Structures are given as C-alpha cells and as structure tokens.
Amino acid sequence: MKYILVDSALLYMLESFPKKAVPTLFETFCEKCNGEEIVCEKETKRNMENILEEESSFEWIKEHNRLFRPINQKGSAILGKLVDEKLFVFENESGKIQRNIPITIPFVIAIAIQENRTVVADRKSVEWQRISKLCQKKGINLLTIDDFLAQIKA
C-alpha cells in the first residue's frame, strides 16, 4: 500500500512516537519512506521546520529529503478540478486558502488522488475533521496514525 502523511502524522512519527520502545516499527517506517511507499507533500517539510523541537527530527528531515514530493503537472490539473468543485477556495492576492485549511491539505489530496495513496493523519489534530470530510467526498482512503502503524507493522 502507498501512503501520504499529512503534517500531524509526520510530526507524531518524529516527535511523539516511542522510538526506544518499538525501534523495529520505526525502522520499518524509515524503510518504507526510503522506498517511497510513504511520502509527504513538499510544503510539509517547510511546516515541519517551523514546528519541530528535537534536533534529531531536523536531522531526520535532512536525511529523508526524497520523502517530500512536489506536486507535478498532472497533480496541478487535479488540484484545479478540486478548486472548480469549490472544495478549496484560494484567495487571489495572498495565495492562501480560506476556511482555515492548512496549506498542504489541497496538495496532499491531489497527490493522493493522482497516485492512489492512502492519507494518514493524527485524529487528535485540528485538521482531522476537514481531511476526513474531503477524503470521504473524494473516495480517498484515510487512516489514523495508529491504524497506519498497525498496517505497516504487519
């Protein structure tokens, strides 16, 4: 299975996941990131640089630069269709998205559609409800971080 992690899921893996208690599961996570089974949208990297606290997390981000995928031309076309469907409304001047949607979410959804990826998010995050509704509306699989960990463990 292929996954795309939103900010909250990557933040959990880097700063909250009990790496010392279950090191083999974290190693599996890293292997799947290296094999591109797990990806993130490129803006997630910038967001992480603003919220990470642990030095080891910053190092991990640098070492896994390939994890962060930019949206390509086909993804941009999908994003355009999502905007046409009024799922996201971009403000003309600032390039930001209205309705308090984290800027990465439209791009995550476009990549998930394009590459048939399952979206992974932390259910406790502020973005969970909006992502859940979007994934349901577009027929995208969505997993909580706990369900994701159970899947990659198997």
Foldseek 3Di string as FASTA:
>chain_A
DAAEEALQLLLCLLPPPPCVVPVVLNVLVVVCLVVNSYAYAQVSLVVCVVPDDDPVSVVVCVVSVVRHHYQDPQLVVLLVVCVVVVLWPADPPPRATPPPAPRRLSSNVSVCVVVVHEYEHACPDPNNVSSVVVCVVVVHHYDYSVVVSVVSVD
